[in-house]
PDB file of N, CA and C in Angstrom:
ATOM      1  N   MET A   1       0.818  -1.187   0.000  1.00  0.00           N
ATOM      2  CA  MET A   1       0.000   0.000   0.000  1.00  0.00           C
ATOM      3  C   MET A   1       0.866   1.257   0.000  1.00  0.00           C
ATOM      4  N   ALA A   2       1.983   1.184   0.692  1.00  0.00           N
ATOM      5  CA  ALA A   2       2.830   2.368   0.799  1.00  0.00           C
ATOM      6  C   ALA A   2       3.421   2.746  -0.558  1.00  0.00           C
ATOM      7  N   LEU A   3       3.579   1.762  -1.444  1.00  0.00           N
ATOM      8  CA  LEU A   3       4.122   2.053  -2.769  1.00  0.00           C
ATOM      9  C   LEU A   3       3.078   2.725  -3.665  1.00  0.00           C
ATOM     10  N   ILE A   4       1.812   2.394  -3.458  1.00  0.00           N
ATOM     11  CA  ILE A   4       0.751   2.909  -4.319  1.00  0.00           C
ATOM     12  C   ILE A   4       0.230   4.255  -3.836  1.00  0.00           C
ATOM     13  N   ALA A   5       0.238   4.466  -2.528  1.00  0.00           N
ATOM     14  CA  ALA A   5      -0.382   5.659  -1.943  1.00  0.00           C
ATOM     15  C   ALA A   5       0.089   6.979  -2.546  1.00  0.00           C
ATOM     16  N   PRO A   6       1.386   7.180  -2.842  1.00  0.00           N
ATOM     17  CA  PRO A   6       1.785   8.474  -3.416  1.00  0.00           C
ATOM     18  C   PRO A   6       1.199   8.730  -4.797  1.00  0.00           C
ATOM     19  N   TYR A   7       0.814   7.673  -5.512  1.00  0.00           N
ATOM     20  CA  TYR A   7       0.314   7.833  -6.877  1.00  0.00           C
ATOM     21  C   TYR A   7      -1.215   7.811  -6.949  1.00  0.00           C
ATOM     22  N   ALA A   8      -1.872   7.608  -5.821  1.00  0.00           N
ATOM     23  CA  ALA A   8      -3.327   7.563  -5.800  1.00  0.00           C
ATOM     24  C   ALA A   8      -3.879   8.947  -6.102  1.00  0.00           C
ATOM     25  N   PRO A   9      -5.009   9.029  -6.823  1.00  0.00           N
ATOM     26  CA  PRO A   9      -5.572  10.338  -7.141  1.00  0.00           C
ATOM     27  C   PRO A   9      -6.041  11.063  -5.883  1.00  0.00           C
ATOM     28  N   GLU A  10      -5.915  12.374  -5.933  1.00  0.00           N
ATOM     29  CA  GLU A  10      -6.338  13.193  -4.799  1.00  0.00           C
ATOM     30  C   GLU A  10      -7.800  13.574  -4.968  1.00  0.00           C
ATOM     31  N   GLY A  11      -8.436  13.991  -3.861  1.00  0.00           N
ATOM     32  CA  GLY A  11      -9.822  14.431  -3.930  1.00  0.00           C
ATOM     33  C   GLY A  11      -9.932  15.736  -4.694  1.00  0.00           C
ATOM     34  N   ARG A  12     -11.047  15.936  -5.384  1.00  0.00           N
ATOM     35  CA  ARG A  12     -11.243  17.153  -6.178  1.00  0.00           C
ATOM     36  C   ARG A  12     -12.421  17.943  -5.628  1.00  0.00           C
ATOM     37  N   LYS A  13     -12.358  19.221  -5.789  1.00  0.00           N
ATOM     38  CA  LYS A  13     -13.441  20.146  -5.416  1.00  0.00           C
ATOM     39  C   LYS A  13     -13.885  19.947  -3.963  1.00  0.00           C
ATOM     40  N   GLY A  14     -12.922  19.852  -3.070  1.00  0.00           N
ATOM     41  CA  GLY A  14     -13.234  19.755  -1.658  1.00  0.00           C
ATOM     42  C   GLY A  14     -13.637  18.372  -1.181  1.00  0.00           C
ATOM     43  N   ARG A  15     -13.610  17.376  -2.051  1.00  0.00           N
ATOM     44  CA  ARG A  15     -13.969  16.024  -1.642  1.00  0.00           C
ATOM     45  C   ARG A  15     -12.749  15.346  -1.032  1.00  0.00           C
ATOM     46  N   PRO A  16     -12.960  14.479  -0.065  1.00  0.00           N
ATOM     47  CA  PRO A  16     -11.816  13.727   0.472  1.00  0.00           C
ATOM     48  C   PRO A  16     -11.377  12.664  -0.538  1.00  0.00           C
ATOM     49  N   PRO A  17     -10.094  12.345  -0.595  1.00  0.00           N
ATOM     50  CA  PRO A  17      -9.640  11.314  -1.537  1.00  0.00           C
ATOM     51  C   PRO A  17     -10.142   9.935  -1.114  1.00  0.00           C
ATOM     52  N   LEU A  18     -10.319   9.061  -2.102  1.00  0.00           N
ATOM     53  CA  LEU A  18     -10.737   7.690  -1.811  1.00  0.00           C
ATOM     54  C   LEU A  18      -9.572   6.924  -1.207  1.00  0.00           C
ATOM     55  N   PRO A  19      -9.853   6.019  -0.270  1.00  0.00           N
ATOM     56  CA  PRO A  19      -8.773   5.202   0.285  1.00  0.00           C
ATOM     57  C   PRO A  19      -8.180   4.289  -0.788  1.00  0.00           C
ATOM     58  N   VAL A  20      -6.906   3.968  -0.626  1.00  0.00           N
ATOM     59  CA  VAL A  20      -6.202   3.145  -1.617  1.00  0.00           C
ATOM     60  C   VAL A  20      -6.845   1.764  -1.711  1.00  0.00           C
ATOM     61  N   GLU A  21      -7.298   1.207  -0.589  1.00  0.00           N
ATOM     62  CA  GLU A  21      -7.926  -0.119  -0.614  1.00  0.00           C
ATOM     63  C   GLU A  21      -9.174  -0.120  -1.493  1.00  0.00           C
ATOM     64  N   MET A  22      -9.960   0.962  -1.418  1.00  0.00           N
ATOM     65  CA  MET A  22     -11.165   1.058  -2.233  1.00  0.00           C
ATOM     66  C   MET A  22     -10.799   1.179  -3.711  1.00  0.00           C
ATOM     67  N   LEU A  23      -9.760   1.922  -4.012  1.00  0.00           N
ATOM     68  CA  LEU A  23      -9.324   2.050  -5.405  1.00  0.00           C
ATOM     69  C   LEU A  23      -8.870   0.714  -5.965  1.00  0.00           C
ATOM     70  N   LEU A  24      -8.186  -0.080  -5.145  1.00  0.00           N
ATOM     71  CA  LEU A  24      -7.745  -1.397  -5.604  1.00  0.00           C
ATOM     72  C   LEU A  24      -8.941  -2.318  -5.843  1.00  0.00           C
ATOM     73  N   ARG A  25      -9.973  -2.244  -4.971  1.00  0.00           N
ATOM     74  CA  ARG A  25     -11.175  -3.050  -5.173  1.00  0.00           C
ATOM     75  C   ARG A  25     -11.901  -2.643  -6.445  1.00  0.00           C
ATOM     76  N   ILE A  26     -11.984  -1.335  -6.677  1.00  0.00           N
ATOM     77  CA  ILE A  26     -12.633  -0.841  -7.895  1.00  0.00           C
ATOM     78  C   ILE A  26     -11.870  -1.314  -9.120  1.00  0.00           C
ATOM     79  N   SER A  27     -10.541  -1.270  -9.047  1.00  0.00           N
ATOM     80  CA  SER A  27      -9.715  -1.710 -10.165  1.00  0.00           C
ATOM     81  C   SER A  27      -9.933  -3.201 -10.445  1.00  0.00           C
ATOM     82  N   ALA A  28     -10.042  -4.003  -9.386  1.00  0.00           N
ATOM     83  CA  ALA A  28     -10.262  -5.433  -9.576  1.00  0.00           C
ATOM     84  C   ALA A  28     -11.630  -5.690 -10.204  1.00  0.00           C
ATOM     85  N   LEU A  29     -12.648  -4.948  -9.781  1.00  0.00           N
ATOM     86  CA  LEU A  29     -13.979  -5.101 -10.369  1.00  0.00           C
ATOM     87  C   LEU A  29     -13.985  -4.695 -11.838  1.00  0.00           C
ATOM     88  N   GLN A  30     -13.269  -3.624 -12.158  1.00  0.00           N
ATOM     89  CA  GLN A  30     -13.190  -3.199 -13.554  1.00  0.00           C
ATOM     90  C   GLN A  30     -12.485  -4.254 -14.394  1.00  0.00           C
ATOM     91  N   GLU A  31     -11.460  -4.887 -13.839  1.00  0.00           N
ATOM     92  CA  GLU A  31     -10.750  -5.940 -14.560  1.00  0.00           C
ATOM     93  C   GLU A  31     -11.675  -7.130 -14.826  1.00  0.00           C
ATOM     94  N   GLN A  32     -12.469  -7.516 -13.836  1.00  0.00           N
ATOM     95  CA  GLN A  32     -13.422  -8.614 -14.038  1.00  0.00           C
ATOM     96  C   GLN A  32     -14.463  -8.256 -15.089  1.00  0.00           C
ATOM     97  N   LEU A  33     -14.942  -7.023 -15.062  1.00  0.00           N
ATOM     98  CA  LEU A  33     -15.921  -6.585 -16.056  1.00  0.00           C
ATOM     99  C   LEU A  33     -15.325  -6.631 -17.459  1.00  0.00           C
ATOM    100  N   GLU A  34     -14.092  -6.196 -17.603  1.00  0.00           N
ATOM    101  CA  GLU A  34     -13.441  -6.231 -18.918  1.00  0.00           C
ATOM    102  C   GLU A  34     -13.240  -7.657 -19.401  1.00  0.00           C
ATOM    103  N   GLN A  35     -12.962  -8.591 -18.487  1.00  0.00           N
ATOM    104  CA  GLN A  35     -12.819  -9.988 -18.891  1.00  0.00           C
ATOM    105  C   GLN A  35     -14.139 -10.554 -19.391  1.00  0.00           C
ATOM    106  N   VAL A  36     -15.234 -10.209 -18.726  1.00  0.00           N
ATOM    107  CA  VAL A  36     -16.551 -10.676 -19.173  1.00  0.00           C
ATOM    108  C   VAL A  36     -16.867 -10.104 -20.549  1.00  0.00           C
ATOM    109  N   LYS A  37     -16.587  -8.801 -20.730  1.00  0.00           N
ATOM    110  CA  LYS A  37     -16.860  -8.179 -22.027  1.00  0.00           C
ATOM    111  C   LYS A  37     -16.002  -8.788 -23.123  1.00  0.00           C
ATOM    112  N   SER A  38     -14.746  -9.104 -22.827  1.00  0.00           N
ATOM    113  CA  SER A  38     -13.882  -9.665 -23.865  1.00  0.00           C
ATOM    114  C   SER A  38     -14.316 -11.078 -24.248  1.00  0.00           C
ATOM    115  N   LYS A  39     -14.847 -11.849 -23.289  1.00  0.00           N
ATOM    116  CA  LYS A  39     -15.350 -13.180 -23.628  1.00  0.00           C
ATOM    117  C   LYS A  39     -16.544 -13.087 -24.568  1.00  0.00           C
ATOM    118  N   ILE A  40     -17.441 -12.151 -24.286  1.00  0.00           N
ATOM    119  CA  ILE A  40     -18.610 -11.961 -25.154  1.00  0.00           C
ATOM    120  C   ILE A  40     -18.169 -11.481 -26.523  1.00  0.00           C
ATOM    121  N   ARG A  41     -17.236 -10.527 -26.552  1.00  0.00           N
ATOM    122  CA  ARG A  41     -16.750  -9.981 -27.817  1.00  0.00           C
ATOM    123  C   ARG A  41     -16.103 -11.072 -28.672  1.00  0.00           C
ATOM    124  N   ALA A  42     -15.360 -11.970 -28.040  1.00  0.00           N
ATOM    125  CA  ALA A  42     -14.701 -13.041 -28.788  1.00  0.00           C
ATOM    126  C   ALA A  42     -15.735 -13.980 -29.421  1.00  0.00           C
ATOM    127  N   LYS A  43     -16.807 -14.281 -28.681  1.00  0.00           N
ATOM    128  CA  LYS A  43     -17.833 -15.164 -29.224  1.00  0.00           C
ATOM    129  C   LYS A  43     -18.583 -14.513 -30.378  1.00  0.00           C
ATOM    130  N   VAL A  44     -18.759 -13.195 -30.309  1.00  0.00           N
ATOM    131  CA  VAL A  44     -19.495 -12.491 -31.356  1.00  0.00           C
ATOM    132  C   VAL A  44     -18.634 -12.302 -32.595  1.00  0.00           C
ATOM    133  N   GLU A  45     -17.355 -12.008 -32.406  1.00  0.00           N
ATOM    134  CA  GLU A  45     -16.503 -11.681 -33.549  1.00  0.00           C
ATOM    135  C   GLU A  45     -15.951 -12.901 -34.270  1.00  0.00           C
ATOM    136  N   HIS A  46     -15.984 -14.075 -33.650  1.00  0.00           N
ATOM    137  CA  HIS A  46     -15.403 -15.247 -34.287  1.00  0.00           C
ATOM    138  C   HIS A  46     -16.071 -15.618 -35.609  1.00  0.00           C
ATOM    139  N   PRO A  47     -17.418 -15.603 -35.723  1.00  0.00           N
ATOM    140  CA  PRO A  47     -18.018 -15.922 -37.034  1.00  0.00           C
ATOM    141  C   PRO A  47     -17.591 -14.942 -38.133  1.00  0.00           C
ATOM    142  N   PHE A  48     -17.400 -13.678 -37.785  1.00  0.00           N
ATOM    143  CA  PHE A  48     -16.962 -12.720 -38.794  1.00  0.00           C
ATOM    144  C   PHE A  48     -15.546 -13.029 -39.264  1.00  0.00           C
ATOM    145  N   ARG A  49     -14.692 -13.491 -38.370  1.00  0.00           N
ATOM    146  CA  ARG A  49     -13.337 -13.876 -38.752  1.00  0.00           C
ATOM    147  C   ARG A  49     -13.375 -15.077 -39.693  1.00  0.00           C
ATOM    148  N   VAL A  50     -14.249 -16.042 -39.400  1.00  0.00           N
ATOM    149  CA  VAL A  50     -14.361 -17.223 -40.265  1.00  0.00           C
ATOM    150  C   VAL A  50     -14.824 -16.806 -41.652  1.00  0.00           C
ATOM    151  N   ILE A  51     -15.811 -15.931 -41.721  1.00  0.00           N
ATOM    152  CA  ILE A  51     -16.326 -15.495 -43.018  1.00  0.00           C
ATOM    153  C   ILE A  51     -15.256 -14.758 -43.806  1.00  0.00           C
ATOM    154  N   LYS A  52     -14.491 -13.911 -43.134  1.00  0.00           N
ATOM    155  CA  LYS A  52     -13.502 -13.113 -43.851  1.00  0.00           C
ATOM    156  C   LYS A  52     -12.289 -13.937 -44.248  1.00  0.00           C
ATOM    157  N   ARG A  53     -11.778 -14.778 -43.341  1.00  0.00           N
ATOM    158  CA  ARG A  53     -10.537 -15.503 -43.615  1.00  0.00           C
ATOM    159  C   ARG A  53     -10.753 -16.823 -44.333  1.00  0.00           C
ATOM    160  N   GLN A  54     -11.726 -17.614 -43.884  1.00  0.00           N
ATOM    161  CA  GLN A  54     -11.903 -18.931 -44.476  1.00  0.00           C
ATOM    162  C   GLN A  54     -12.616 -18.860 -45.811  1.00  0.00           C
ATOM    163  N   PHE A  55     -13.580 -17.926 -45.937  1.00  0.00           N
ATOM    164  CA  PHE A  55     -14.375 -17.858 -47.152  1.00  0.00           C
ATOM    165  C   PHE A  55     -14.062 -16.645 -48.003  1.00  0.00           C
ATOM    166  N   GLY A  56     -13.148 -15.784 -47.561  1.00  0.00           N
ATOM    167  CA  GLY A  56     -12.663 -14.679 -48.381  1.00  0.00           C
ATOM    168  C   GLY A  56     -13.655 -13.566 -48.647  1.00  0.00           C
ATOM    169  N   HIS A  57     -14.592 -13.325 -47.755  1.00  0.00           N
ATOM    170  CA  HIS A  57     -15.575 -12.259 -47.975  1.00  0.00           C
ATOM    171  C   HIS A  57     -15.015 -10.950 -47.430  1.00  0.00           C
ATOM    172  N   VAL A  58     -14.448 -10.138 -48.303  1.00  0.00           N
ATOM    173  CA  VAL A  58     -13.934  -8.835 -47.875  1.00  0.00           C
ATOM    174  C   VAL A  58     -14.703  -7.692 -48.522  1.00  0.00           C
ATOM    175  N   LYS A  59     -15.294  -7.945 -49.670  1.00  0.00           N
ATOM    176  CA  LYS A  59     -16.098  -6.932 -50.355  1.00  0.00           C
ATOM    177  C   LYS A  59     -17.384  -7.579 -50.860  1.00  0.00           C
ATOM    178  N   VAL A  60     -18.388  -6.765 -51.077  1.00  0.00           N
ATOM    179  CA  VAL A  60     -19.622  -7.312 -51.643  1.00  0.00           C
ATOM    180  C   VAL A  60     -19.410  -7.569 -53.134  1.00  0.00           C
ATOM    181  N   ARG A  61     -20.052  -8.616 -53.638  1.00  0.00           N
ATOM    182  CA  ARG A  61     -19.864  -8.991 -55.033  1.00  0.00           C
ATOM    183  C   ARG A  61     -20.990  -8.518 -55.926  1.00  0.00           C
ATOM    184  N   TYR A  62     -22.173  -8.409 -55.370  1.00  0.00           N
ATOM    185  CA  TYR A  62     -23.347  -8.190 -56.206  1.00  0.00           C
ATOM    186  C   TYR A  62     -23.900  -6.790 -56.019  1.00  0.00           C
ATOM    187  N   ARG A  63     -24.629  -6.340 -57.028  1.00  0.00           N
ATOM    188  CA  ARG A  63     -25.373  -5.088 -56.907  1.00  0.00           C
ATOM    189  C   ARG A  63     -26.764  -5.425 -56.420  1.00  0.00           C
ATOM    190  N   GLY A  64     -27.191  -4.756 -55.395  1.00  0.00           N
ATOM    191  CA  GLY A  64     -28.523  -5.015 -54.849  1.00  0.00           C
ATOM    192  C   GLY A  64     -28.427  -5.606 -53.455  1.00  0.00           C
ATOM    193  N   LEU A  65     -29.295  -5.110 -52.593  1.00  0.00           N
ATOM    194  CA  LEU A  65     -29.253  -5.541 -51.202  1.00  0.00           C
ATOM    195  C   LEU A  65     -29.668  -6.994 -51.027  1.00  0.00           C
ATOM    196  N   SER A  66     -30.644  -7.452 -51.786  1.00  0.00           N
ATOM    197  CA  SER A  66     -31.150  -8.810 -51.566  1.00  0.00           C
ATOM    198  C   SER A  66     -30.094  -9.864 -51.909  1.00  0.00           C
ATOM    199  N   LYS A  67     -29.349  -9.658 -52.993  1.00  0.00           N
ATOM    200  CA  LYS A  67     -28.318 -10.631 -53.362  1.00  0.00           C
ATOM    201  C   LYS A  67     -27.209 -10.679 -52.315  1.00  0.00           C
ATOM    202  N   ASN A  68     -26.777  -9.512 -51.854  1.00  0.00           N
ATOM    203  CA  ASN A  68     -25.729  -9.481 -50.835  1.00  0.00           C
ATOM    204  C   ASN A  68     -26.223 -10.067 -49.513  1.00  0.00           C
ATOM    205  N   THR A  69     -27.484  -9.813 -49.179  1.00  0.00           N
ATOM    206  CA  THR A  69     -28.049 -10.373 -47.949  1.00  0.00           C
ATOM    207  C   THR A  69     -28.089 -11.889 -48.032  1.00  0.00           C
ATOM    208  N   GLN A  70     -28.512 -12.411 -49.173  1.00  0.00           N
ATOM    209  CA  GLN A  70     -28.563 -13.864 -49.343  1.00  0.00           C
ATOM    210  C   GLN A  70     -27.168 -14.472 -49.272  1.00  0.00           C
ATOM    211  N   GLN A  71     -26.173 -13.789 -49.834  1.00  0.00           N
ATOM    212  CA  GLN A  71     -24.809 -14.296 -49.769  1.00  0.00           C
ATOM    213  C   GLN A  71     -24.319 -14.326 -48.321  1.00  0.00           C
ATOM    214  N   LEU A  72     -24.620 -13.282 -47.553  1.00  0.00           N
ATOM    215  CA  LEU A  72     -24.197 -13.262 -46.154  1.00  0.00           C
ATOM    216  C   LEU A  72     -24.913 -14.335 -45.337  1.00  0.00           C
ATOM    217  N   HIS A  73     -26.194 -14.553 -45.600  1.00  0.00           N
ATOM    218  CA  HIS A  73     -26.913 -15.630 -44.907  1.00  0.00           C
ATOM    219  C   HIS A  73     -26.243 -16.972 -45.190  1.00  0.00           C
ATOM    220  N   THR A  74     -25.879 -17.198 -46.435  1.00  0.00           N
ATOM    221  CA  THR A  74     -25.221 -18.449 -46.806  1.00  0.00           C
ATOM    222  C   THR A  74     -23.862 -18.562 -46.136  1.00  0.00           C
ATOM    223  N   LEU A  75     -23.104 -17.460 -46.130  1.00  0.00           N
ATOM    224  CA  LEU A  75     -21.779 -17.496 -45.513  1.00  0.00           C
ATOM    225  C   LEU A  75     -21.864 -17.727 -44.001  1.00  0.00           C
ATOM    226  N   PHE A  76     -22.846 -17.136 -43.337  1.00  0.00           N
ATOM    227  CA  PHE A  76     -22.993 -17.378 -41.905  1.00  0.00           C
ATOM    228  C   PHE A  76     -23.424 -18.812 -41.628  1.00  0.00           C
ATOM    229  N   ALA A  77     -24.252 -19.388 -42.489  1.00  0.00           N
ATOM    230  CA  ALA A  77     -24.625 -20.798 -42.335  1.00  0.00           C
ATOM    231  C   ALA A  77     -23.394 -21.688 -42.503  1.00  0.00           C
ATOM    232  N   LEU A  78     -22.557 -21.372 -43.484  1.00  0.00           N
ATOM    233  CA  LEU A  78     -21.320 -22.127 -43.672  1.00  0.00           C
ATOM    234  C   LEU A  78     -20.366 -21.925 -42.502  1.00  0.00           C
ATOM    235  N   ALA A  79     -20.334 -20.705 -41.955  1.00  0.00           N
ATOM    236  CA  ALA A  79     -19.473 -20.446 -40.801  1.00  0.00           C
ATOM    237  C   ALA A  79     -19.919 -21.259 -39.600  1.00  0.00           C
ATOM    238  N   ASN A  80     -21.246 -21.415 -39.408  1.00  0.00           N
ATOM    239  CA  ASN A  80     -21.746 -22.253 -38.317  1.00  0.00           C
ATOM    240  C   ASN A  80     -21.298 -23.703 -38.501  1.00  0.00           C
ATOM    241  N   LEU A  81     -21.357 -24.198 -39.733  1.00  0.00           N
ATOM    242  CA  LEU A  81     -20.891 -25.557 -39.992  1.00  0.00           C
ATOM    243  C   LEU A  81     -19.391 -25.674 -39.771  1.00  0.00           C
ATOM    244  N   TRP A  82     -18.650 -24.660 -40.179  1.00  0.00           N
ATOM    245  CA  TRP A  82     -17.197 -24.670 -40.020  1.00  0.00           C
ATOM    246  C   TRP A  82     -16.814 -24.722 -38.540  1.00  0.00           C
ATOM    247  N   MET A  83     -17.496 -23.908 -37.719  1.00  0.00           N
ATOM    248  CA  MET A  83     -17.151 -23.863 -36.300  1.00  0.00           C
ATOM    249  C   MET A  83     -17.619 -25.107 -35.552  1.00  0.00           C
ATOM    250  N   ALA A  84     -18.649 -25.790 -36.057  1.00  0.00           N
ATOM    251  CA  ALA A  84     -19.155 -26.994 -35.401  1.00  0.00           C
ATOM    252  C   ALA A  84     -18.596 -28.249 -36.049  1.00  0.00           C
ATOM    253  N   ARG A  85     -17.530 -28.112 -36.824  1.00  0.00           N
ATOM    254  CA  ARG A  85     -17.014 -29.268 -37.548  1.00  0.00           C
ATOM    255  C   ARG A  85     -16.486 -30.321 -36.566  1.00  0.00           C
ATOM    256  N   GLY A  86     -16.519 -31.502 -37.017  1.00  0.00           N
ATOM    257  CA  GLY A  86     -16.127 -32.664 -36.233  1.00  0.00           C
ATOM    258  C   GLY A  86     -16.528 -33.890 -37.013  1.00  0.00           C
ATOM    259  N   PRO A  87     -16.469 -35.019 -36.392  1.00  0.00           N
ATOM    260  CA  PRO A  87     -16.881 -36.230 -37.124  1.00  0.00           C
ATOM    261  C   PRO A  87     -18.380 -36.225 -37.388  1.00  0.00           C
ATOM    262  N   TRP A  88     -18.740 -36.468 -38.634  1.00  0.00           N
ATOM    263  CA  TRP A  88     -20.145 -36.505 -39.009  1.00  0.00           C
ATOM    264  C   TRP A  88     -20.724 -37.841 -38.595  1.00  0.00           C
ATOM    265  N   PRO A  89     -21.958 -37.859 -38.105  1.00  0.00           N
ATOM    266  CA  PRO A  89     -22.577 -39.140 -37.749  1.00  0.00           C
ATOM    267  C   PRO A  89     -22.896 -39.943 -39.015  1.00  0.00           C
ATOM    268  N   VAL A  90     -22.686 -41.220 -38.944  1.00  0.00           N
ATOM    269  CA  VAL A  90     -22.975 -42.097 -40.074  1.00  0.00           C
ATOM    270  C   VAL A  90     -24.462 -42.438 -40.036  1.00  0.00           C
ATOM    271  N   ALA A  91     -25.098 -42.441 -41.206  1.00  0.00           N
ATOM    272  CA  ALA A  91     -26.540 -42.730 -41.280  1.00  0.00           C
ATOM    273  C   ALA A  91     -26.809 -44.137 -40.765  1.00  0.00           C
ATOM    274  N   GLY A  92     -27.777 -44.255 -39.885  1.00  0.00           N
ATOM    275  CA  GLY A  92     -28.171 -45.550 -39.353  1.00  0.00           C
ATOM    276  C   GLY A  92     -27.393 -45.973 -38.119  1.00  0.00           C
ATOM    277  N   CYS A  93     -26.397 -45.203 -37.719  1.00  0.00           N
ATOM    278  CA  CYS A  93     -25.579 -45.573 -36.537  1.00  0.00           C
ATOM    279  C   CYS A  93     -25.749 -44.536 -35.437  1.00  0.00           C
ATOM    280  N   LEU A  94     -26.968 -44.214 -35.076  1.00  0.00           N
ATOM    281  CA  LEU A  94     -27.203 -43.230 -34.015  1.00  0.00           C
ATOM    282  C   LEU A  94     -27.331 -43.899 -32.726  1.00  0.00           C
TER     283      LEU A  94
END
C-alpha cells in the first residue's frame, strides 16, 4: 500500500480522496468486467473472422441488397458448420 499511496488520485473540489484499498477493489472489479466483455466480444466476432478468412468475404460482389443479404446468410450458415465441424454421424448408426 505504501508504494501505491503516493500515486493515488487526490480528492477534487473539496472532496476527500478515496482510500487506496477502495481504489484497488474498484480496479479489480473493472478488470473482471473487462474480462466478461472480452469473452462476449470473442464469441461475437469469431463468425466474422471465419467469413472473412476462411471464405474470403472482404467486399460485396453483387449489386442489390437482396443478393448481398442472401450471400451473407449463406456465408454465416457455412461459418456455423465450419465452427461446429467434427466427425459426421454415419446414417443408421445413431
